[in-house]
């Protein structure tokens, strides 16, 4: 697995890896993470990966993080 890029946006760590002819785009916030797998064949070049940290996409990622954090809190309350 090869690291392509690492950056931090809106308190979210973004890591991009190349592995088995796929890009793995990992978003981390606290103890929660989201990973998207994209075939290298779906993109003309690595620069096209930037669409995954556009404002619109990052807003969707943050919304999912909020839902995931709430689900985790709810579940921990049931222990």
PDB file of N, CA and C in Angstrom:
ATOM      1  N   UNK A   1       0.858  -1.176   0.000  1.00  0.00           N
ATOM      2  CA  UNK A   1       0.000   0.000   0.000  1.00  0.00           C
ATOM      3  C   UNK A   1       0.901   1.235   0.000  1.00  0.00           C
ATOM      4  N   UNK A   2       0.561   2.159  -0.870  1.00  0.00           N
ATOM      5  CA  UNK A   2       1.371   3.368  -1.028  1.00  0.00           C
ATOM      6  C   UNK A   2       0.538   4.589  -0.647  1.00  0.00           C
ATOM      7  N   UNK A   3       1.115   5.472   0.169  1.00  0.00           N
ATOM      8  CA  UNK A   3       0.444   6.712   0.547  1.00  0.00           C
ATOM      9  C   UNK A   3       0.566   7.697  -0.605  1.00  0.00           C
ATOM     10  N   UNK A   4      -0.577   8.205  -1.065  1.00  0.00           N
ATOM     11  CA  UNK A   4      -0.607   9.175  -2.158  1.00  0.00           C
ATOM     12  C   UNK A   4      -0.638  10.599  -1.610  1.00  0.00           C
ATOM     13  N   UNK A   5      -1.486  10.818  -0.596  1.00  0.00           N
ATOM     14  CA  UNK A   5      -1.669  12.173  -0.072  1.00  0.00           C
ATOM     15  C   UNK A   5      -2.236  12.100   1.338  1.00  0.00           C
ATOM     16  N   UNK A   6      -1.893  13.080   2.158  1.00  0.00           N
ATOM     17  CA  UNK A   6      -2.471  13.259   3.490  1.00  0.00           C
ATOM     18  C   UNK A   6      -2.729  14.744   3.685  1.00  0.00           C
ATOM     19  N   UNK A   7      -3.919  15.053   4.184  1.00  0.00           N
ATOM     20  CA  UNK A   7      -4.253  16.441   4.470  1.00  0.00           C
ATOM     21  C   UNK A   7      -5.289  16.498   5.577  1.00  0.00           C
ATOM     22  N   UNK A   8      -5.496  17.691   6.110  1.00  0.00           N
ATOM     23  CA  UNK A   8      -6.485  17.900   7.165  1.00  0.00           C
ATOM     24  C   UNK A   8      -7.427  19.010   6.729  1.00  0.00           C
ATOM     25  N   UNK A   9      -8.731  18.708   6.752  1.00  0.00           N
ATOM     26  CA  UNK A   9      -9.756  19.673   6.345  1.00  0.00           C
ATOM     27  C   UNK A   9     -10.900  19.662   7.349  1.00  0.00           C
ATOM     28  N   UNK A  10     -11.227  20.815   7.905  1.00  0.00           N
ATOM     29  CA  UNK A  10     -12.378  20.930   8.807  1.00  0.00           C
ATOM     30  C   UNK A  10     -12.317  19.904   9.942  1.00  0.00           C
ATOM     31  N   UNK A  11     -11.168  19.732  10.559  1.00  0.00           N
ATOM     32  CA  UNK A  11     -10.962  18.790  11.662  1.00  0.00           C
ATOM     33  C   UNK A  11     -11.141  17.337  11.226  1.00  0.00           C
ATOM     34  N   UNK A  12     -10.995  17.067   9.941  1.00  0.00           N
ATOM     35  CA  UNK A  12     -11.070  15.710   9.398  1.00  0.00           C
ATOM     36  C   UNK A  12      -9.730  15.408   8.731  1.00  0.00           C
ATOM     37  N   UNK A  13      -9.126  14.306   9.143  1.00  0.00           N
ATOM     38  CA  UNK A  13      -7.879  13.871   8.506  1.00  0.00           C
ATOM     39  C   UNK A  13      -8.244  13.053   7.274  1.00  0.00           C
ATOM     40  N   UNK A  14      -7.637  13.400   6.140  1.00  0.00           N
ATOM     41  CA  UNK A  14      -7.874  12.693   4.881  1.00  0.00           C
ATOM     42  C   UNK A  14      -6.573  12.022   4.459  1.00  0.00           C
ATOM     43  N   UNK A  15      -6.648  10.714   4.203  1.00  0.00           N
ATOM     44  CA  UNK A  15      -5.494   9.962   3.718  1.00  0.00           C
ATOM     45  C   UNK A  15      -5.908   9.235   2.452  1.00  0.00           C
ATOM     46  N   UNK A  16      -5.044   9.276   1.442  1.00  0.00           N
ATOM     47  CA  UNK A  16      -5.318   8.589   0.182  1.00  0.00           C
ATOM     48  C   UNK A  16      -4.201   7.581  -0.048  1.00  0.00           C
ATOM     49  N   UNK A  17      -4.606   6.346  -0.302  1.00  0.00           N
ATOM     50  CA  UNK A  17      -3.674   5.256  -0.537  1.00  0.00           C
ATOM     51  C   UNK A  17      -3.930   4.646  -1.910  1.00  0.00           C
ATOM     52  N   UNK A  18      -2.900   4.054  -2.477  1.00  0.00           N
ATOM     53  CA  UNK A  18      -3.036   3.258  -3.692  1.00  0.00           C
ATOM     54  C   UNK A  18      -2.768   1.816  -3.303  1.00  0.00           C
ATOM     55  N   UNK A  19      -3.718   0.922  -3.666  1.00  0.00           N
ATOM     56  CA  UNK A  19      -3.584  -0.476  -3.268  1.00  0.00           C
ATOM     57  C   UNK A  19      -4.435  -1.344  -4.175  1.00  0.00           C
ATOM     58  N   UNK A  20      -3.852  -2.374  -4.754  1.00  0.00           N
ATOM     59  CA  UNK A  20      -4.567  -3.331  -5.608  1.00  0.00           C
ATOM     60  C   UNK A  20      -5.397  -2.654  -6.691  1.00  0.00           C
ATOM     61  N   UNK A  21      -4.809  -1.718  -7.400  1.00  0.00           N
ATOM     62  CA  UNK A  21      -5.482  -0.999  -8.493  1.00  0.00           C
ATOM     63  C   UNK A  21      -6.694  -0.196  -8.029  1.00  0.00           C
ATOM     64  N   UNK A  22      -6.674   0.198  -6.761  1.00  0.00           N
ATOM     65  CA  UNK A  22      -7.744   1.030  -6.196  1.00  0.00           C
ATOM     66  C   UNK A  22      -7.111   2.162  -5.408  1.00  0.00           C
ATOM     67  N   UNK A  23      -7.863   3.250  -5.331  1.00  0.00           N
ATOM     68  CA  UNK A  23      -7.534   4.310  -4.389  1.00  0.00           C
ATOM     69  C   UNK A  23      -8.412   4.107  -3.172  1.00  0.00           C
ATOM     70  N   UNK A  24      -7.822   4.121  -1.998  1.00  0.00           N
ATOM     71  CA  UNK A  24      -8.568   4.088  -0.750  1.00  0.00           C
ATOM     72  C   UNK A  24      -8.512   5.492  -0.181  1.00  0.00           C
ATOM     73  N   UNK A  25      -9.673   6.108  -0.010  1.00  0.00           N
ATOM     74  CA  UNK A  25      -9.762   7.472   0.497  1.00  0.00           C
ATOM     75  C   UNK A  25     -10.358   7.371   1.893  1.00  0.00           C
ATOM     76  N   UNK A  26      -9.527   7.629   2.894  1.00  0.00           N
ATOM     77  CA  UNK A  26      -9.934   7.449   4.291  1.00  0.00           C
ATOM     78  C   UNK A  26     -10.089   8.803   4.961  1.00  0.00           C
ATOM     79  N   UNK A  27     -11.250   8.984   5.604  1.00  0.00           N
ATOM     80  CA  UNK A  27     -11.555  10.185   6.373  1.00  0.00           C
ATOM     81  C   UNK A  27     -11.626   9.768   7.839  1.00  0.00           C
ATOM     82  N   UNK A  28     -10.945  10.504   8.718  1.00  0.00           N
ATOM     83  CA  UNK A  28     -10.935  10.188  10.148  1.00  0.00           C
ATOM     84  C   UNK A  28     -11.307  11.418  10.961  1.00  0.00           C
ATOM     85  N   UNK A  29     -12.159  11.193  11.959  1.00  0.00           N
ATOM     86  CA  UNK A  29     -12.509  12.247  12.909  1.00  0.00           C
ATOM     87  C   UNK A  29     -12.710  11.574  14.260  1.00  0.00           C
ATOM     88  N   UNK A  30     -11.805  11.849  15.184  1.00  0.00           N
ATOM     89  CA  UNK A  30     -11.880  11.197  16.488  1.00  0.00           C
ATOM     90  C   UNK A  30     -11.706   9.691  16.340  1.00  0.00           C
ATOM     91  N   UNK A  31     -12.620   8.934  16.928  1.00  0.00           N
ATOM     92  CA  UNK A  31     -12.554   7.474  16.899  1.00  0.00           C
ATOM     93  C   UNK A  31     -13.335   6.873  15.725  1.00  0.00           C
ATOM     94  N   UNK A  32     -13.817   7.711  14.820  1.00  0.00           N
ATOM     95  CA  UNK A  32     -14.659   7.272  13.709  1.00  0.00           C
ATOM     96  C   UNK A  32     -13.887   7.451  12.403  1.00  0.00           C
ATOM     97  N   UNK A  33     -14.102   6.528  11.467  1.00  0.00           N
ATOM     98  CA  UNK A  33     -13.507   6.692  10.146  1.00  0.00           C
ATOM     99  C   UNK A  33     -14.456   6.192   9.063  1.00  0.00           C
ATOM    100  N   UNK A  34     -14.284   6.778   7.882  1.00  0.00           N
ATOM    101  CA  UNK A  34     -15.017   6.377   6.685  1.00  0.00           C
ATOM    102  C   UNK A  34     -13.974   6.106   5.609  1.00  0.00           C
ATOM    103  N   UNK A  35     -14.166   5.030   4.861  1.00  0.00           N
ATOM    104  CA  UNK A  35     -13.242   4.716   3.774  1.00  0.00           C
ATOM    105  C   UNK A  35     -14.027   4.461   2.500  1.00  0.00           C
ATOM    106  N   UNK A  36     -13.569   5.072   1.436  1.00  0.00           N
ATOM    107  CA  UNK A  36     -14.159   4.892   0.115  1.00  0.00           C
ATOM    108  C   UNK A  36     -13.116   4.244  -0.779  1.00  0.00           C
ATOM    109  N   UNK A  37     -13.525   3.251  -1.565  1.00  0.00           N
ATOM    110  CA  UNK A  37     -12.633   2.591  -2.513  1.00  0.00           C
ATOM    111  C   UNK A  37     -13.056   2.991  -3.919  1.00  0.00           C
ATOM    112  N   UNK A  38     -12.096   3.466  -4.699  1.00  0.00           N
ATOM    113  CA  UNK A  38     -12.363   3.909  -6.063  1.00  0.00           C
ATOM    114  C   UNK A  38     -11.362   3.215  -6.985  1.00  0.00           C
ATOM    115  N   UNK A  39     -11.862   2.578  -8.021  1.00  0.00           N
ATOM    116  CA  UNK A  39     -10.980   1.929  -8.976  1.00  0.00           C
ATOM    117  C   UNK A  39     -10.094   2.971  -9.651  1.00  0.00           C
ATOM    118  N   UNK A  40      -8.824   2.649  -9.808  1.00  0.00           N
ATOM    119  CA  UNK A  40      -7.918   3.556 -10.512  1.00  0.00           C
ATOM    120  C   UNK A  40      -8.368   3.757 -11.956  1.00  0.00           C
ATOM    121  N   UNK A  41      -9.122   2.801 -12.494  1.00  0.00           N
ATOM    122  CA  UNK A  41      -9.623   2.894 -13.869  1.00  0.00           C
ATOM    123  C   UNK A  41     -10.722   3.950 -14.001  1.00  0.00           C
ATOM    124  N   UNK A  42     -11.356   4.327 -12.886  1.00  0.00           N
ATOM    125  CA  UNK A  42     -12.441   5.321 -12.919  1.00  0.00           C
ATOM    126  C   UNK A  42     -11.929   6.759 -13.008  1.00  0.00           C
ATOM    127  N   UNK A  43     -10.641   6.956 -12.790  1.00  0.00           N
ATOM    128  CA  UNK A  43     -10.049   8.294 -12.817  1.00  0.00           C
ATOM    129  C   UNK A  43      -8.954   8.366 -13.867  1.00  0.00           C
ATOM    130  N   UNK A  44      -8.868   9.477 -14.553  1.00  0.00           N
ATOM    131  CA  UNK A  44      -7.838   9.651 -15.581  1.00  0.00           C
ATOM    132  C   UNK A  44      -6.458   9.799 -14.947  1.00  0.00           C
ATOM    133  N   UNK A  45      -6.394  10.497 -13.796  1.00  0.00           N
ATOM    134  CA  UNK A  45      -5.126  10.679 -13.100  1.00  0.00           C
ATOM    135  C   UNK A  45      -5.395  11.016 -11.636  1.00  0.00           C
ATOM    136  N   UNK A  46      -4.335  11.070 -10.851  1.00  0.00           N
ATOM    137  CA  UNK A  46      -4.464  11.305  -9.407  1.00  0.00           C
ATOM    138  C   UNK A  46      -5.052  12.669  -9.077  1.00  0.00           C
ATOM    139  N   UNK A  47      -4.903  13.654  -9.961  1.00  0.00           N
ATOM    140  CA  UNK A  47      -5.450  14.986  -9.704  1.00  0.00           C
ATOM    141  C   UNK A  47      -6.976  14.950  -9.579  1.00  0.00           C
ATOM    142  N   UNK A  48      -7.626  13.998 -10.238  1.00  0.00           N
ATOM    143  CA  UNK A  48      -9.080  13.890 -10.155  1.00  0.00           C
ATOM    144  C   UNK A  48      -9.565  13.477  -8.767  1.00  0.00           C
ATOM    145  N   UNK A  49      -8.654  13.011  -7.919  1.00  0.00           N
ATOM    146  CA  UNK A  49      -9.023  12.654  -6.549  1.00  0.00           C
ATOM    147  C   UNK A  49      -9.487  13.873  -5.752  1.00  0.00           C
ATOM    148  N   UNK A  50      -9.099  15.057  -6.189  1.00  0.00           N
ATOM    149  CA  UNK A  50      -9.443  16.273  -5.455  1.00  0.00           C
ATOM    150  C   UNK A  50     -10.944  16.481  -5.321  1.00  0.00           C
ATOM    151  N   UNK A  51     -11.738  15.862  -6.170  1.00  0.00           N
ATOM    152  CA  UNK A  51     -13.193  15.968  -6.054  1.00  0.00           C
ATOM    153  C   UNK A  51     -13.671  15.426  -4.698  1.00  0.00           C
ATOM    154  N   UNK A  52     -12.871  14.538  -4.086  1.00  0.00           N
ATOM    155  CA  UNK A  52     -13.264  13.934  -2.811  1.00  0.00           C
ATOM    156  C   UNK A  52     -12.999  14.828  -1.607  1.00  0.00           C
ATOM    157  N   UNK A  53     -12.368  15.969  -1.801  1.00  0.00           N
ATOM    158  CA  UNK A  53     -12.266  16.938  -0.703  1.00  0.00           C
ATOM    159  C   UNK A  53     -12.812  18.294  -1.112  1.00  0.00           C
ATOM    160  N   UNK A  54     -13.756  18.269  -2.037  1.00  0.00           N
ATOM    161  CA  UNK A  54     -14.499  19.487  -2.383  1.00  0.00           C
ATOM    162  C   UNK A  54     -15.414  19.846  -1.211  1.00  0.00           C
ATOM    163  N   UNK A  55     -15.858  21.090  -1.163  1.00  0.00           N
ATOM    164  CA  UNK A  55     -16.747  21.534  -0.071  1.00  0.00           C
ATOM    165  C   UNK A  55     -18.012  20.681  -0.006  1.00  0.00           C
ATOM    166  N   UNK A  56     -18.609  20.397  -1.163  1.00  0.00           N
ATOM    167  CA  UNK A  56     -19.859  19.625  -1.188  1.00  0.00           C
ATOM    168  C   UNK A  56     -19.651  18.216  -0.640  1.00  0.00           C
ATOM    169  N   UNK A  57     -18.588  17.541  -1.072  1.00  0.00           N
ATOM    170  CA  UNK A  57     -18.351  16.174  -0.605  1.00  0.00           C
ATOM    171  C   UNK A  57     -17.987  16.164   0.871  1.00  0.00           C
ATOM    172  N   UNK A  58     -17.141  17.113   1.298  1.00  0.00           N
ATOM    173  CA  UNK A  58     -16.748  17.171   2.703  1.00  0.00           C
ATOM    174  C   UNK A  58     -17.951  17.449   3.602  1.00  0.00           C
ATOM    175  N   UNK A  59     -18.911  18.203   3.118  1.00  0.00           N
ATOM    176  CA  UNK A  59     -20.133  18.443   3.874  1.00  0.00           C
ATOM    177  C   UNK A  59     -20.892  17.133   4.095  1.00  0.00           C
ATOM    178  N   UNK A  60     -20.956  16.300   3.069  1.00  0.00           N
ATOM    179  CA  UNK A  60     -21.609  14.995   3.195  1.00  0.00           C
ATOM    180  C   UNK A  60     -20.846  14.079   4.152  1.00  0.00           C
ATOM    181  N   UNK A  61     -19.521  14.116   4.073  1.00  0.00           N
ATOM    182  CA  UNK A  61     -18.693  13.321   4.980  1.00  0.00           C
ATOM    183  C   UNK A  61     -18.937  13.760   6.422  1.00  0.00           C
ATOM    184  N   UNK A  62     -18.980  15.083   6.668  1.00  0.00           N
ATOM    185  CA  UNK A  62     -19.217  15.589   8.020  1.00  0.00           C
ATOM    186  C   UNK A  62     -20.591  15.170   8.527  1.00  0.00           C
ATOM    187  N   UNK A  63     -21.580  15.210   7.659  1.00  0.00           N
ATOM    188  CA  UNK A  63     -22.937  14.793   8.043  1.00  0.00           C
ATOM    189  C   UNK A  63     -22.944  13.324   8.484  1.00  0.00           C
ATOM    190  N   UNK A  64     -22.239  12.479   7.744  1.00  0.00           N
ATOM    191  CA  UNK A  64     -22.150  11.063   8.129  1.00  0.00           C
ATOM    192  C   UNK A  64     -21.399  10.900   9.441  1.00  0.00           C
ATOM    193  N   UNK A  65     -20.326  11.683   9.635  1.00  0.00           N
ATOM    194  CA  UNK A  65     -19.600  11.626  10.905  1.00  0.00           C
ATOM    195  C   UNK A  65     -20.523  11.999  12.062  1.00  0.00           C
ATOM    196  N   UNK A  66     -21.315  13.032  11.908  1.00  0.00           N
ATOM    197  CA  UNK A  66     -22.246  13.440  12.957  1.00  0.00           C
ATOM    198  C   UNK A  66     -23.199  12.295  13.293  1.00  0.00           C
ATOM    199  N   UNK A  67     -23.729  11.636  12.257  1.00  0.00           N
ATOM    200  CA  UNK A  67     -24.643  10.503  12.463  1.00  0.00           C
ATOM    201  C   UNK A  67     -23.925   9.337  13.139  1.00  0.00           C
ATOM    202  N   UNK A  68     -22.703   9.071  12.713  1.00  0.00           N
ATOM    203  CA  UNK A  68     -21.933   7.966  13.287  1.00  0.00           C
ATOM    204  C   UNK A  68     -21.589   8.232  14.752  1.00  0.00           C
ATOM    205  N   UNK A  69     -21.184   9.473  15.069  1.00  0.00           N
ATOM    206  CA  UNK A  69     -20.884   9.819  16.459  1.00  0.00           C
ATOM    207  C   UNK A  69     -22.132   9.663  17.325  1.00  0.00           C
ATOM    208  N   UNK A  70     -23.280  10.108  16.828  1.00  0.00           N
ATOM    209  CA  UNK A  70     -24.526   9.974  17.590  1.00  0.00           C
ATOM    210  C   UNK A  70     -24.879   8.509  17.803  1.00  0.00           C
ATOM    211  N   UNK A  71     -24.732   7.690  16.771  1.00  0.00           N
ATOM    212  CA  UNK A  71     -25.009   6.252  16.903  1.00  0.00           C
ATOM    213  C   UNK A  71     -24.100   5.612  17.941  1.00  0.00           C
ATOM    214  N   UNK A  72     -22.825   5.984  17.921  1.00  0.00           N
ATOM    215  CA  UNK A  72     -21.887   5.434  18.897  1.00  0.00           C
ATOM    216  C   UNK A  72     -22.266   5.857  20.312  1.00  0.00           C
ATOM    217  N   UNK A  73     -22.578   7.152  20.485  1.00  0.00           N
ATOM    218  CA  UNK A  73     -22.994   7.618  21.822  1.00  0.00           C
ATOM    219  C   UNK A  73     -24.241   6.886  22.302  1.00  0.00           C
ATOM    220  N   UNK A  74     -25.220   6.731  21.434  1.00  0.00           N
ATOM    221  CA  UNK A  74     -26.464   6.035  21.798  1.00  0.00           C
ATOM    222  C   UNK A  74     -26.166   4.598  22.212  1.00  0.00           C
ATOM    223  N   UNK A  75     -25.318   3.932  21.476  1.00  0.00           N
ATOM    224  CA  UNK A  75     -25.015   2.551  21.792  1.00  0.00           C
ATOM    225  C   UNK A  75     -24.244   2.433  23.106  1.00  0.00           C
ATOM    226  N   UNK A  76     -23.319   3.353  23.340  1.00  0.00           N
ATOM    227  CA  UNK A  76     -22.553   3.311  24.584  1.00  0.00           C
ATOM    228  C   UNK A  76     -23.441   3.560  25.800  1.00  0.00           C
ATOM    229  N   UNK A  77     -24.507   4.319  25.621  1.00  0.00           N
ATOM    230  CA  UNK A  77     -25.434   4.564  26.722  1.00  0.00           C
ATOM    231  C   UNK A  77     -26.189   3.293  27.111  1.00  0.00           C
ATOM    232  N   UNK A  78     -26.275   2.334  26.194  1.00  0.00           N
ATOM    233  CA  UNK A  78     -26.990   1.087  26.453  1.00  0.00           C
ATOM    234  C   UNK A  78     -26.141   0.021  27.135  1.00  0.00           C
ATOM    235  N   UNK A  79     -24.881   0.337  27.370  1.00  0.00           N
ATOM    236  CA  UNK A  79     -24.003  -0.661  28.003  1.00  0.00           C
ATOM    237  C   UNK A  79     -24.245  -0.685  29.490  1.00  0.00           C
TER     238      UNK A  79
END
